Amino acid sequence: MLTDDPETPGARNWEINTAYTEQRTNEEHHRSFPHVDFNYGLGEHIQLKFETGWVFADAPDGVRSGLDDSLLGVKWRFLDQECAGFNMSVYPQLQVWALNGIR
């Protein structure tokens, strides 16, 4: 499961996250490392996102590696109830497939 918080990094601030991700099926085993997520605050309530990683795929024909699919997105935090501790955001994202044929 992938989740994200409703917060944004704030005006002109960067938030950079790194991770190790793994996905297994009966046919393949994919690992992404480093998996990076770059977020930039356009204001207090808007964030731009770019996410990708370097993927390693174990398949019956051997191990392949290359740039993973990328995500481009914009998060808008439209409800900011700091006193109540309740925030809500919408976060449309576009997946751009890598051309290396790994997935």
C-alpha atoms as a PDB file:
ATOM      1  CA  MET A   1       0.000   0.000   0.000  1.00  0.00           C
ATOM      2  CA  LEU A   2       1.291   3.459  -0.881  1.00  0.00           C
ATOM      3  CA  THR A   3       0.074   6.419   1.151  1.00  0.00           C
ATOM      4  CA  ASP A   4       0.860  10.106   1.389  1.00  0.00           C
ATOM      5  CA  ASP A   5       0.145  12.761   3.975  1.00  0.00           C
ATOM      6  CA  PRO A   6      -2.024  15.816   3.163  1.00  0.00           C
ATOM      7  CA  GLU A   7       0.758  18.268   4.119  1.00  0.00           C
ATOM      8  CA  THR A   8       2.784  20.326   1.654  1.00  0.00           C
ATOM      9  CA  PRO A   9       6.403  21.455   2.219  1.00  0.00           C
ATOM     10  CA  GLY A  10       5.497  25.165   2.359  1.00  0.00           C
ATOM     11  CA  ALA A  11       6.294  28.041   0.034  1.00  0.00           C
ATOM     12  CA  ARG A  12       9.619  27.630  -1.830  1.00  0.00           C
ATOM     13  CA  ASN A  13      10.624  24.643   0.317  1.00  0.00           C
ATOM     14  CA  TRP A  14      11.849  21.238  -0.837  1.00  0.00           C
ATOM     15  CA  GLU A  15      10.959  17.845   0.618  1.00  0.00           C
ATOM     16  CA  ILE A  16      13.040  14.916  -0.641  1.00  0.00           C
ATOM     17  CA  ASN A  17      12.189  11.358   0.380  1.00  0.00           C
ATOM     18  CA  THR A  18      14.149   8.202  -0.406  1.00  0.00           C
ATOM     19  CA  ALA A  19      12.940   4.630  -0.094  1.00  0.00           C
ATOM     20  CA  TYR A  20      13.409   1.014  -1.031  1.00  0.00           C
ATOM     21  CA  THR A  21      10.323  -0.507  -2.691  1.00  0.00           C
ATOM     22  CA  GLU A  22       9.629  -4.098  -3.627  1.00  0.00           C
ATOM     23  CA  GLN A  23       6.914  -5.809  -5.674  1.00  0.00           C
ATOM     24  CA  ARG A  24       6.561  -9.557  -6.177  1.00  0.00           C
ATOM     25  CA  THR A  25       4.390 -11.599  -8.487  1.00  0.00           C
ATOM     26  CA  ASN A  26       4.565 -15.279  -9.416  1.00  0.00           C
ATOM     27  CA  GLU A  27       6.568 -14.336 -12.516  1.00  0.00           C
ATOM     28  CA  GLU A  28       8.749 -11.401 -11.440  1.00  0.00           C
ATOM     29  CA  HIS A  29      10.396  -9.662  -8.506  1.00  0.00           C
ATOM     30  CA  HIS A  30      10.931  -5.879  -8.802  1.00  0.00           C
ATOM     31  CA  ARG A  31      13.058  -3.815  -6.421  1.00  0.00           C
ATOM     32  CA  SER A  32      13.496  -0.060  -6.709  1.00  0.00           C
ATOM     33  CA  PHE A  33      16.494   1.519  -5.027  1.00  0.00           C
ATOM     34  CA  PRO A  34      17.056   4.296  -4.647  1.00  0.00           C
ATOM     35  CA  HIS A  35      13.424   5.296  -5.025  1.00  0.00           C
ATOM     36  CA  VAL A  36      13.245   9.104  -4.796  1.00  0.00           C
ATOM     37  CA  ASP A  37      10.369  11.528  -4.347  1.00  0.00           C
ATOM     38  CA  PHE A  38      11.065  15.242  -4.900  1.00  0.00           C
ATOM     39  CA  ASN A  39       8.420  17.710  -3.698  1.00  0.00           C
ATOM     40  CA  TYR A  40       8.509  21.488  -4.110  1.00  0.00           C
ATOM     41  CA  GLY A  41       6.118  23.924  -2.435  1.00  0.00           C
ATOM     42  CA  LEU A  42       4.637  26.523  -4.778  1.00  0.00           C
ATOM     43  CA  GLY A  43       2.859  28.112  -1.838  1.00  0.00           C
ATOM     44  CA  GLU A  44       1.546  27.032   1.533  1.00  0.00           C
ATOM     45  CA  HIS A  45      -1.113  24.787  -0.053  1.00  0.00           C
ATOM     46  CA  ILE A  46       0.326  23.606  -3.406  1.00  0.00           C
ATOM     47  CA  GLN A  47       3.094  21.072  -4.040  1.00  0.00           C
ATOM     48  CA  LEU A  48       4.739  19.831  -7.252  1.00  0.00           C
ATOM     49  CA  LYS A  49       6.028  16.246  -7.280  1.00  0.00           C
ATOM     50  CA  PHE A  50       8.470  14.127  -9.276  1.00  0.00           C
ATOM     51  CA  GLU A  51       9.020  10.496  -8.259  1.00  0.00           C
ATOM     52  CA  THR A  52      11.115   7.736  -9.818  1.00  0.00           C
ATOM     53  CA  GLY A  53      13.691   5.122  -8.971  1.00  0.00           C
ATOM     54  CA  TRP A  54      16.212   2.662 -10.324  1.00  0.00           C
ATOM     55  CA  VAL A  55      14.468  -0.685 -10.735  1.00  0.00           C
ATOM     56  CA  PHE A  56      15.943  -4.186 -10.673  1.00  0.00           C
ATOM     57  CA  ALA A  57      13.751  -6.949 -12.098  1.00  0.00           C
ATOM     58  CA  ASP A  58      14.378 -10.648 -11.500  1.00  0.00           C
ATOM     59  CA  ALA A  59      12.630 -12.584 -14.261  1.00  0.00           C
ATOM     60  CA  PRO A  60      12.981 -16.096 -15.703  1.00  0.00           C
ATOM     61  CA  ASP A  61      15.316 -14.699 -18.388  1.00  0.00           C
ATOM     62  CA  GLY A  62      17.669 -13.005 -15.861  1.00  0.00           C
ATOM     63  CA  VAL A  63      18.093  -9.729 -14.004  1.00  0.00           C
ATOM     64  CA  ARG A  64      17.425  -6.427 -15.768  1.00  0.00           C
ATOM     65  CA  SER A  65      17.784  -2.903 -14.415  1.00  0.00           C
ATOM     66  CA  GLY A  66      16.999   0.613 -15.505  1.00  0.00           C
ATOM     67  CA  LEU A  67      15.050   3.758 -14.756  1.00  0.00           C
ATOM     68  CA  ASP A  68      11.646   3.015 -13.222  1.00  0.00           C
ATOM     69  CA  ASP A  69       8.361   4.592 -14.283  1.00  0.00           C
ATOM     70  CA  SER A  70       8.017   8.206 -13.109  1.00  0.00           C
ATOM     71  CA  LEU A  71       5.170  10.031 -11.409  1.00  0.00           C
ATOM     72  CA  LEU A  72       4.419  13.711 -11.947  1.00  0.00           C
ATOM     73  CA  GLY A  73       1.839  15.292  -9.684  1.00  0.00           C
ATOM     74  CA  VAL A  74       0.306  18.365  -8.095  1.00  0.00           C
ATOM     75  CA  LYS A  75      -1.050  18.291  -4.551  1.00  0.00           C
ATOM     76  CA  TRP A  76      -3.555  20.913  -3.433  1.00  0.00           C
ATOM     77  CA  ARG A  77      -4.356  21.049   0.289  1.00  0.00           C
ATOM     78  CA  PHE A  78      -7.828  22.584   0.155  1.00  0.00           C
ATOM     79  CA  LEU A  79      -8.761  22.056   3.816  1.00  0.00           C
ATOM     80  CA  ASP A  80      -6.341  23.157   6.528  1.00  0.00           C
ATOM     81  CA  GLN A  81      -7.796  22.793  10.016  1.00  0.00           C
ATOM     82  CA  GLU A  82      -4.586  22.983  12.027  1.00  0.00           C
ATOM     83  CA  CYS A  83      -6.412  23.555  15.336  1.00  0.00           C
ATOM     84  CA  ALA A  84      -8.573  20.449  14.837  1.00  0.00           C
ATOM     85  CA  GLY A  85      -5.689  18.436  13.365  1.00  0.00           C
ATOM     86  CA  PHE A  86      -7.648  17.684  10.195  1.00  0.00           C
ATOM     87  CA  ASN A  87      -6.364  18.380   6.664  1.00  0.00           C
ATOM     88  CA  MET A  88      -7.523  17.208   3.227  1.00  0.00           C
ATOM     89  CA  SER A  89      -5.774  17.287  -0.145  1.00  0.00           C
ATOM     90  CA  VAL A  90      -6.343  16.190  -3.711  1.00  0.00           C
ATOM     91  CA  TYR A  91      -3.336  14.747  -5.496  1.00  0.00           C
ATOM     92  CA  PRO A  92      -3.732  13.961  -9.208  1.00  0.00           C
ATOM     93  CA  GLN A  93      -0.670  12.244 -10.668  1.00  0.00           C
ATOM     94  CA  LEU A  94       0.455  11.205 -14.137  1.00  0.00           C
ATOM     95  CA  GLN A  95       2.493   8.035 -14.585  1.00  0.00           C
ATOM     96  CA  VAL A  96       5.140   8.232 -17.313  1.00  0.00           C
ATOM     97  CA  TRP A  97       6.315   4.809 -18.402  1.00  0.00           C
ATOM     98  CA  ALA A  98      10.022   4.207 -18.704  1.00  0.00           C
ATOM     99  CA  LEU A  99      11.176   3.247 -22.192  1.00  0.00           C
ATOM    100  CA  ASN A 100      13.508   0.489 -20.995  1.00  0.00           C
ATOM    101  CA  GLY A 101      10.813  -2.236 -21.102  1.00  0.00           C
ATOM    102  CA  ILE A 102      11.471  -3.475 -17.574  1.00  0.00           C
ATOM    103  CA  ARG A 103       7.836  -3.285 -16.478  1.00  0.00           C
END
